[in-house]
Amino acid sequence: MMKFDYMIGACGSMTWERFCLGIPSSLVSLADNQLGSSKILSSRGLIRYLGDAREIDVKTWKDELFFLNKSRKEFSYNSREIFK
């Protein structure tokens, strides 16, 4: 994981591992129990929450990859700061 520039994944427990490593992430929810924490983390600029995985289309993914290409350094810093 240390070699990754960013990750795309689900809003589960691996989110905290990504924070420890400072890996910026675009995340989707796969279950209802992931909604609350996803919205809080997103509102604090720690993740990019894209919504329910079943509702994401190709354009959303393309737009997200373009955004992350420009913003991953800021997200990496924010991700590491949560553990200080």
PDB file of N, CA and C in Angstrom:
ATOM      1  N   MET A   1       0.809  -1.199   0.000  1.00  0.00           N
ATOM      2  CA  MET A   1       0.000   0.000   0.000  1.00  0.00           C
ATOM      3  C   MET A   1       0.856   1.269   0.000  1.00  0.00           C
ATOM      4  N   MET A   2       2.056   1.193   0.535  1.00  0.00           N
ATOM      5  CA  MET A   2       2.909   2.385   0.601  1.00  0.00           C
ATOM      6  C   MET A   2       3.274   2.923  -0.788  1.00  0.00           C
ATOM      7  N   LYS A   3       3.135   2.114  -1.809  1.00  0.00           N
ATOM      8  CA  LYS A   3       3.467   2.539  -3.161  1.00  0.00           C
ATOM      9  C   LYS A   3       2.305   3.235  -3.866  1.00  0.00           C
ATOM     10  N   PHE A   4       1.129   3.236  -3.248  1.00  0.00           N
ATOM     11  CA  PHE A   4      -0.063   3.786  -3.887  1.00  0.00           C
ATOM     12  C   PHE A   4      -0.080   5.303  -3.811  1.00  0.00           C
ATOM     13  N   ASP A   5      -0.517   5.939  -4.888  1.00  0.00           N
ATOM     14  CA  ASP A   5      -0.732   7.383  -4.909  1.00  0.00           C
ATOM     15  C   ASP A   5      -2.105   7.735  -4.336  1.00  0.00           C
ATOM     16  N   TYR A   6      -3.062   6.900  -4.579  1.00  0.00           N
ATOM     17  CA  TYR A   6      -4.408   7.061  -4.040  1.00  0.00           C
ATOM     18  C   TYR A   6      -5.119   5.722  -4.125  1.00  0.00           C
ATOM     19  N   MET A   7      -6.232   5.625  -3.409  1.00  0.00           N
ATOM     20  CA  MET A   7      -6.997   4.383  -3.428  1.00  0.00           C
ATOM     21  C   MET A   7      -8.467   4.686  -3.672  1.00  0.00           C
ATOM     22  N   ILE A   8      -9.100   3.763  -4.313  1.00  0.00           N
ATOM     23  CA  ILE A   8     -10.544   3.783  -4.485  1.00  0.00           C
ATOM     24  C   ILE A   8     -11.055   2.546  -3.771  1.00  0.00           C
ATOM     25  N   GLY A   9     -12.036   2.737  -2.906  1.00  0.00           N
ATOM     26  CA  GLY A   9     -12.505   1.589  -2.155  1.00  0.00           C
ATOM     27  C   GLY A   9     -13.808   1.856  -1.441  1.00  0.00           C
ATOM     28  N   ALA A  10     -14.074   1.003  -0.469  1.00  0.00           N
ATOM     29  CA  ALA A  10     -15.290   1.098   0.337  1.00  0.00           C
ATOM     30  C   ALA A  10     -14.973   1.791   1.654  1.00  0.00           C
ATOM     31  N   CYS A  11     -16.001   2.277   2.292  1.00  0.00           N
ATOM     32  CA  CYS A  11     -15.870   3.017   3.551  1.00  0.00           C
ATOM     33  C   CYS A  11     -15.875   2.084   4.758  1.00  0.00           C
ATOM     34  N   GLY A  12     -15.084   1.066   4.714  1.00  0.00           N
ATOM     35  CA  GLY A  12     -15.017   0.125   5.827  1.00  0.00           C
ATOM     36  C   GLY A  12     -13.814   0.379   6.714  1.00  0.00           C
ATOM     37  N   SER A  13     -13.417  -0.632   7.451  1.00  0.00           N
ATOM     38  CA  SER A  13     -12.335  -0.491   8.431  1.00  0.00           C
ATOM     39  C   SER A  13     -10.975  -0.195   7.792  1.00  0.00           C
ATOM     40  N   MET A  14     -10.803  -0.529   6.539  1.00  0.00           N
ATOM     41  CA  MET A  14      -9.527  -0.240   5.882  1.00  0.00           C
ATOM     42  C   MET A  14      -9.307   1.267   5.697  1.00  0.00           C
ATOM     43  N   THR A  15     -10.349   2.051   5.855  1.00  0.00           N
ATOM     44  CA  THR A  15     -10.233   3.507   5.782  1.00  0.00           C
ATOM     45  C   THR A  15      -9.193   3.998   6.782  1.00  0.00           C
ATOM     46  N   TRP A  16      -9.165   3.433   7.983  1.00  0.00           N
ATOM     47  CA  TRP A  16      -8.226   3.857   9.028  1.00  0.00           C
ATOM     48  C   TRP A  16      -6.795   3.479   8.668  1.00  0.00           C
ATOM     49  N   GLU A  17      -6.604   2.369   7.994  1.00  0.00           N
ATOM     50  CA  GLU A  17      -5.264   2.002   7.526  1.00  0.00           C
ATOM     51  C   GLU A  17      -4.777   3.005   6.485  1.00  0.00           C
ATOM     52  N   ARG A  18      -5.668   3.427   5.626  1.00  0.00           N
ATOM     53  CA  ARG A  18      -5.309   4.432   4.624  1.00  0.00           C
ATOM     54  C   ARG A  18      -4.890   5.735   5.292  1.00  0.00           C
ATOM     55  N   PHE A  19      -5.598   6.135   6.346  1.00  0.00           N
ATOM     56  CA  PHE A  19      -5.227   7.343   7.083  1.00  0.00           C
ATOM     57  C   PHE A  19      -3.827   7.226   7.661  1.00  0.00           C
ATOM     58  N   CYS A  20      -3.531   6.095   8.273  1.00  0.00           N
ATOM     59  CA  CYS A  20      -2.209   5.907   8.888  1.00  0.00           C
ATOM     60  C   CYS A  20      -1.089   6.056   7.873  1.00  0.00           C
ATOM     61  N   LEU A  21      -1.334   5.634   6.654  1.00  0.00           N
ATOM     62  CA  LEU A  21      -0.326   5.693   5.607  1.00  0.00           C
ATOM     63  C   LEU A  21      -0.397   6.984   4.795  1.00  0.00           C
ATOM     64  N   GLY A  22      -1.395   7.800   5.056  1.00  0.00           N
ATOM     65  CA  GLY A  22      -1.534   9.059   4.319  1.00  0.00           C
ATOM     66  C   GLY A  22      -1.922   8.874   2.880  1.00  0.00           C
ATOM     67  N   ILE A  23      -2.724   7.859   2.613  1.00  0.00           N
ATOM     68  CA  ILE A  23      -3.144   7.585   1.238  1.00  0.00           C
ATOM     69  C   ILE A  23      -4.505   8.236   0.989  1.00  0.00           C
ATOM     70  N   PRO A  24      -4.572   9.206   0.095  1.00  0.00           N
ATOM     71  CA  PRO A  24      -5.857   9.825  -0.209  1.00  0.00           C
ATOM     72  C   PRO A  24      -6.790   8.807  -0.843  1.00  0.00           C
ATOM     73  N   SER A  25      -8.091   8.964  -0.551  1.00  0.00           N
ATOM     74  CA  SER A  25      -9.040   7.951  -0.988  1.00  0.00           C
ATOM     75  C   SER A  25     -10.339   8.542  -1.497  1.00  0.00           C
ATOM     76  N   SER A  26     -10.854   7.903  -2.516  1.00  0.00           N
ATOM     77  CA  SER A  26     -12.210   8.125  -2.992  1.00  0.00           C
ATOM     78  C   SER A  26     -12.981   6.879  -2.592  1.00  0.00           C
ATOM     79  N   LEU A  27     -14.034   7.085  -1.807  1.00  0.00           N
ATOM     80  CA  LEU A  27     -14.718   5.931  -1.239  1.00  0.00           C
ATOM     81  C   LEU A  27     -16.197   5.921  -1.564  1.00  0.00           C
ATOM     82  N   VAL A  28     -16.735   4.730  -1.595  1.00  0.00           N
ATOM     83  CA  VAL A  28     -18.163   4.507  -1.780  1.00  0.00           C
ATOM     84  C   VAL A  28     -18.673   3.670  -0.617  1.00  0.00           C
ATOM     85  N   SER A  29     -19.948   3.766  -0.353  1.00  0.00           N
ATOM     86  CA  SER A  29     -20.524   2.919   0.686  1.00  0.00           C
ATOM     87  C   SER A  29     -21.102   1.669   0.043  1.00  0.00           C
ATOM     88  N   LEU A  30     -20.889   0.566   0.724  1.00  0.00           N
ATOM     89  CA  LEU A  30     -21.429  -0.719   0.275  1.00  0.00           C
ATOM     90  C   LEU A  30     -22.561  -1.189   1.175  1.00  0.00           C
ATOM     91  N   ALA A  31     -22.682  -0.577   2.344  1.00  0.00           N
ATOM     92  CA  ALA A  31     -23.699  -0.959   3.314  1.00  0.00           C
ATOM     93  C   ALA A  31     -24.183   0.278   4.057  1.00  0.00           C
ATOM     94  N   ASP A  32     -25.382   0.209   4.594  1.00  0.00           N
ATOM     95  CA  ASP A  32     -25.968   1.347   5.299  1.00  0.00           C
ATOM     96  C   ASP A  32     -25.147   1.794   6.501  1.00  0.00           C
ATOM     97  N   ASN A  33     -24.456   0.865   7.171  1.00  0.00           N
ATOM     98  CA  ASN A  33     -23.688   1.226   8.356  1.00  0.00           C
ATOM     99  C   ASN A  33     -22.442   2.056   8.020  1.00  0.00           C
ATOM    100  N   GLN A  34     -22.129   2.240   6.762  1.00  0.00           N
ATOM    101  CA  GLN A  34     -20.976   3.041   6.353  1.00  0.00           C
ATOM    102  C   GLN A  34     -21.354   4.495   6.032  1.00  0.00           C
ATOM    103  N   LEU A  35     -22.627   4.791   5.998  1.00  0.00           N
ATOM    104  CA  LEU A  35     -23.079   6.123   5.576  1.00  0.00           C
ATOM    105  C   LEU A  35     -22.677   7.230   6.541  1.00  0.00           C
ATOM    106  N   GLY A  36     -22.916   7.059   7.829  1.00  0.00           N
ATOM    107  CA  GLY A  36     -22.652   8.115   8.802  1.00  0.00           C
ATOM    108  C   GLY A  36     -21.199   8.531   8.842  1.00  0.00           C
ATOM    109  N   SER A  37     -20.313   7.572   9.010  1.00  0.00           N
ATOM    110  CA  SER A  37     -18.883   7.910   9.095  1.00  0.00           C
ATOM    111  C   SER A  37     -18.369   8.460   7.767  1.00  0.00           C
ATOM    112  N   SER A  38     -18.879   7.965   6.672  1.00  0.00           N
ATOM    113  CA  SER A  38     -18.460   8.458   5.353  1.00  0.00           C
ATOM    114  C   SER A  38     -18.759   9.936   5.193  1.00  0.00           C
ATOM    115  N   LYS A  39     -19.950  10.329   5.590  1.00  0.00           N
ATOM    116  CA  LYS A  39     -20.347  11.730   5.449  1.00  0.00           C
ATOM    117  C   LYS A  39     -19.540  12.630   6.386  1.00  0.00           C
ATOM    118  N   ILE A  40     -19.264  12.169   7.598  1.00  0.00           N
ATOM    119  CA  ILE A  40     -18.468  12.967   8.546  1.00  0.00           C
ATOM    120  C   ILE A  40     -17.047  13.141   8.037  1.00  0.00           C
ATOM    121  N   LEU A  41     -16.413  12.045   7.615  1.00  0.00           N
ATOM    122  CA  LEU A  41     -15.034  12.112   7.123  1.00  0.00           C
ATOM    123  C   LEU A  41     -14.935  12.993   5.880  1.00  0.00           C
ATOM    124  N   SER A  42     -15.924  12.895   5.026  1.00  0.00           N
ATOM    125  CA  SER A  42     -15.938  13.717   3.814  1.00  0.00           C
ATOM    126  C   SER A  42     -16.099  15.196   4.163  1.00  0.00           C
ATOM    127  N   SER A  43     -16.966  15.505   5.104  1.00  0.00           N
ATOM    128  CA  SER A  43     -17.192  16.907   5.472  1.00  0.00           C
ATOM    129  C   SER A  43     -15.942  17.540   6.090  1.00  0.00           C
ATOM    130  N   ARG A  44     -15.060  16.717   6.626  1.00  0.00           N
ATOM    131  CA  ARG A  44     -13.807  17.212   7.205  1.00  0.00           C
ATOM    132  C   ARG A  44     -12.643  17.189   6.219  1.00  0.00           C
ATOM    133  N   GLY A  45     -12.922  16.830   4.974  1.00  0.00           N
ATOM    134  CA  GLY A  45     -11.892  16.838   3.939  1.00  0.00           C
ATOM    135  C   GLY A  45     -10.916  15.681   4.024  1.00  0.00           C
ATOM    136  N   LEU A  46     -11.298  14.609   4.704  1.00  0.00           N
ATOM    137  CA  LEU A  46     -10.386  13.478   4.881  1.00  0.00           C
ATOM    138  C   LEU A  46     -10.537  12.409   3.806  1.00  0.00           C
ATOM    139  N   ILE A  47     -11.711  12.337   3.202  1.00  0.00           N
ATOM    140  CA  ILE A  47     -11.954  11.411   2.098  1.00  0.00           C
ATOM    141  C   ILE A  47     -12.820  12.132   1.071  1.00  0.00           C
ATOM    142  N   ARG A  48     -12.916  11.527  -0.081  1.00  0.00           N
ATOM    143  CA  ARG A  48     -13.891  11.956  -1.080  1.00  0.00           C
ATOM    144  C   ARG A  48     -14.960  10.880  -1.087  1.00  0.00           C
ATOM    145  N   TYR A  49     -16.120  11.207  -0.579  1.00  0.00           N
ATOM    146  CA  TYR A  49     -17.223  10.248  -0.550  1.00  0.00           C
ATOM    147  C   TYR A  49     -18.059  10.425  -1.807  1.00  0.00           C
ATOM    148  N   LEU A  50     -18.169   9.352  -2.582  1.00  0.00           N
ATOM    149  CA  LEU A  50     -18.862   9.423  -3.860  1.00  0.00           C
ATOM    150  C   LEU A  50     -20.313   8.979  -3.797  1.00  0.00           C
ATOM    151  N   GLY A  51     -20.689   8.314  -2.705  1.00  0.00           N
ATOM    152  CA  GLY A  51     -22.067   7.861  -2.560  1.00  0.00           C
ATOM    153  C   GLY A  51     -22.173   6.355  -2.528  1.00  0.00           C
ATOM    154  N   ASP A  52     -23.379   5.885  -2.714  1.00  0.00           N
ATOM    155  CA  ASP A  52     -23.682   4.456  -2.719  1.00  0.00           C
ATOM    156  C   ASP A  52     -23.087   3.819  -3.979  1.00  0.00           C
ATOM    157  N   ALA A  53     -22.345   2.753  -3.812  1.00  0.00           N
ATOM    158  CA  ALA A  53     -21.658   2.101  -4.935  1.00  0.00           C
ATOM    159  C   ALA A  53     -22.611   1.687  -6.046  1.00  0.00           C
ATOM    160  N   ARG A  54     -23.832   1.366  -5.687  1.00  0.00           N
ATOM    161  CA  ARG A  54     -24.813   0.912  -6.693  1.00  0.00           C
ATOM    162  C   ARG A  54     -25.327   2.057  -7.547  1.00  0.00           C
ATOM    163  N   GLU A  55     -25.033   3.289  -7.137  1.00  0.00           N
ATOM    164  CA  GLU A  55     -25.558   4.447  -7.854  1.00  0.00           C
ATOM    165  C   GLU A  55     -24.485   5.239  -8.597  1.00  0.00           C
ATOM    166  N   ILE A  56     -23.255   4.770  -8.582  1.00  0.00           N
ATOM    167  CA  ILE A  56     -22.146   5.483  -9.221  1.00  0.00           C
ATOM    168  C   ILE A  56     -22.075   5.100 -10.699  1.00  0.00           C
ATOM    169  N   ASP A  57     -21.939   6.115 -11.554  1.00  0.00           N
ATOM    170  CA  ASP A  57     -21.822   5.841 -12.981  1.00  0.00           C
ATOM    171  C   ASP A  57     -20.390   6.117 -13.465  1.00  0.00           C
ATOM    172  N   VAL A  58     -20.124   5.812 -14.710  1.00  0.00           N
ATOM    173  CA  VAL A  58     -18.784   5.952 -15.288  1.00  0.00           C
ATOM    174  C   VAL A  58     -18.315   7.405 -15.252  1.00  0.00           C
ATOM    175  N   LYS A  59     -19.196   8.345 -15.524  1.00  0.00           N
ATOM    176  CA  LYS A  59     -18.815   9.752 -15.505  1.00  0.00           C
ATOM    177  C   LYS A  59     -18.339  10.164 -14.111  1.00  0.00           C
ATOM    178  N   THR A  60     -18.988   9.696 -13.078  1.00  0.00           N
ATOM    179  CA  THR A  60     -18.574  10.022 -11.705  1.00  0.00           C
ATOM    180  C   THR A  60     -17.153   9.538 -11.461  1.00  0.00           C
ATOM    181  N   TRP A  61     -16.842   8.312 -11.880  1.00  0.00           N
ATOM    182  CA  TRP A  61     -15.489   7.768 -11.688  1.00  0.00           C
ATOM    183  C   TRP A  61     -14.457   8.570 -12.476  1.00  0.00           C
ATOM    184  N   LYS A  62     -14.762   8.915 -13.714  1.00  0.00           N
ATOM    185  CA  LYS A  62     -13.835   9.706 -14.531  1.00  0.00           C
ATOM    186  C   LYS A  62     -13.564  11.064 -13.890  1.00  0.00           C
ATOM    187  N   ASP A  63     -14.629  11.729 -13.448  1.00  0.00           N
ATOM    188  CA  ASP A  63     -14.482  13.032 -12.798  1.00  0.00           C
ATOM    189  C   ASP A  63     -13.643  12.920 -11.532  1.00  0.00           C
ATOM    190  N   GLU A  64     -13.832  11.844 -10.785  1.00  0.00           N
ATOM    191  CA  GLU A  64     -13.093  11.653  -9.544  1.00  0.00           C
ATOM    192  C   GLU A  64     -11.607  11.432  -9.809  1.00  0.00           C
ATOM    193  N   LEU A  65     -11.280  10.651 -10.789  1.00  0.00           N
ATOM    194  CA  LEU A  65      -9.871  10.422 -11.126  1.00  0.00           C
ATOM    195  C   LEU A  65      -9.199  11.714 -11.572  1.00  0.00           C
ATOM    196  N   PHE A  66      -9.902  12.527 -12.319  1.00  0.00           N
ATOM    197  CA  PHE A  66      -9.358  13.821 -12.729  1.00  0.00           C
ATOM    198  C   PHE A  66      -9.116  14.712 -11.511  1.00  0.00           C
ATOM    199  N   PHE A  67     -10.080  14.771 -10.600  1.00  0.00           N
ATOM    200  CA  PHE A  67      -9.943  15.578  -9.391  1.00  0.00           C
ATOM    201  C   PHE A  67      -8.757  15.111  -8.545  1.00  0.00           C
ATOM    202  N   LEU A  68      -8.647  13.813  -8.333  1.00  0.00           N
ATOM    203  CA  LEU A  68      -7.568  13.288  -7.495  1.00  0.00           C
ATOM    204  C   LEU A  68      -6.196  13.532  -8.095  1.00  0.00           C
ATOM    205  N   ASN A  69      -6.111  13.525  -9.391  1.00  0.00           N
ATOM    206  CA  ASN A  69      -4.835  13.797 -10.037  1.00  0.00           C
ATOM    207  C   ASN A  69      -4.322  15.187  -9.644  1.00  0.00           C
ATOM    208  N   LYS A  70      -5.236  16.120  -9.374  1.00  0.00           N
ATOM    209  CA  LYS A  70      -4.857  17.478  -9.011  1.00  0.00           C
ATOM    210  C   LYS A  70      -4.754  17.684  -7.502  1.00  0.00           C
ATOM    211  N   SER A  71      -5.375  16.828  -6.687  1.00  0.00           N
ATOM    212  CA  SER A  71      -5.543  17.133  -5.262  1.00  0.00           C
ATOM    213  C   SER A  71      -4.993  16.103  -4.287  1.00  0.00           C
ATOM    214  N   ARG A  72      -4.322  15.081  -4.749  1.00  0.00           N
ATOM    215  CA  ARG A  72      -3.956  13.994  -3.834  1.00  0.00           C
ATOM    216  C   ARG A  72      -2.948  14.400  -2.761  1.00  0.00           C
ATOM    217  N   LYS A  73      -2.090  15.376  -3.010  1.00  0.00           N
ATOM    218  CA  LYS A  73      -1.129  15.807  -1.979  1.00  0.00           C
ATOM    219  C   LYS A  73      -1.842  16.399  -0.774  1.00  0.00           C
ATOM    220  N   GLU A  74      -2.841  17.227  -1.022  1.00  0.00           N
ATOM    221  CA  GLU A  74      -3.617  17.811   0.071  1.00  0.00           C
ATOM    222  C   GLU A  74      -4.323  16.720   0.874  1.00  0.00           C
ATOM    223  N   PHE A  75      -4.911  15.768   0.200  1.00  0.00           N
ATOM    224  CA  PHE A  75      -5.585  14.674   0.887  1.00  0.00           C
ATOM    225  C   PHE A  75      -4.603  13.824   1.671  1.00  0.00           C
ATOM    226  N   SER A  76      -3.438  13.610   1.143  1.00  0.00           N
ATOM    227  CA  SER A  76      -2.431  12.819   1.848  1.00  0.00           C
ATOM    228  C   SER A  76      -2.057  13.497   3.155  1.00  0.00           C
ATOM    229  N   TYR A  77      -1.863  14.811   3.123  1.00  0.00           N
ATOM    230  CA  TYR A  77      -1.535  15.555   4.346  1.00  0.00           C
ATOM    231  C   TYR A  77      -2.687  15.448   5.355  1.00  0.00           C
ATOM    232  N   ASN A  78      -3.918  15.674   4.904  1.00  0.00           N
ATOM    233  CA  ASN A  78      -5.080  15.593   5.796  1.00  0.00           C
ATOM    234  C   ASN A  78      -5.220  14.206   6.403  1.00  0.00           C
ATOM    235  N   SER A  79      -4.947  13.187   5.640  1.00  0.00           N
ATOM    236  CA  SER A  79      -5.072  11.814   6.133  1.00  0.00           C
ATOM    237  C   SER A  79      -4.089  11.519   7.250  1.00  0.00           C
ATOM    238  N   ARG A  80      -2.874  12.025   7.137  1.00  0.00           N
ATOM    239  CA  ARG A  80      -1.870  11.784   8.186  1.00  0.00           C
ATOM    240  C   ARG A  80      -2.155  12.589   9.444  1.00  0.00           C
ATOM    241  N   GLU A  81      -2.697  13.775   9.280  1.00  0.00           N
ATOM    242  CA  GLU A  81      -2.933  14.670  10.409  1.00  0.00           C
ATOM    243  C   GLU A  81      -3.946  14.118  11.408  1.00  0.00           C
ATOM    244  N   ILE A  82      -4.832  13.266  10.987  1.00  0.00           N
ATOM    245  CA  ILE A  82      -5.856  12.743  11.883  1.00  0.00           C
ATOM    246  C   ILE A  82      -5.257  11.949  13.037  1.00  0.00           C
ATOM    247  N   PHE A  83      -4.053  11.419  12.868  1.00  0.00           N
ATOM    248  CA  PHE A  83      -3.432  10.593  13.892  1.00  0.00           C
ATOM    249  C   PHE A  83      -2.417  11.335  14.740  1.00  0.00           C
ATOM    250  N   LYS A  84      -2.296  12.632  14.586  1.00  0.00           N
ATOM    251  CA  LYS A  84      -1.345  13.404  15.399  1.00  0.00           C
ATOM    252  C   LYS A  84      -1.990  13.891  16.664  1.00  0.00           C
TER     253      LYS A  84
END
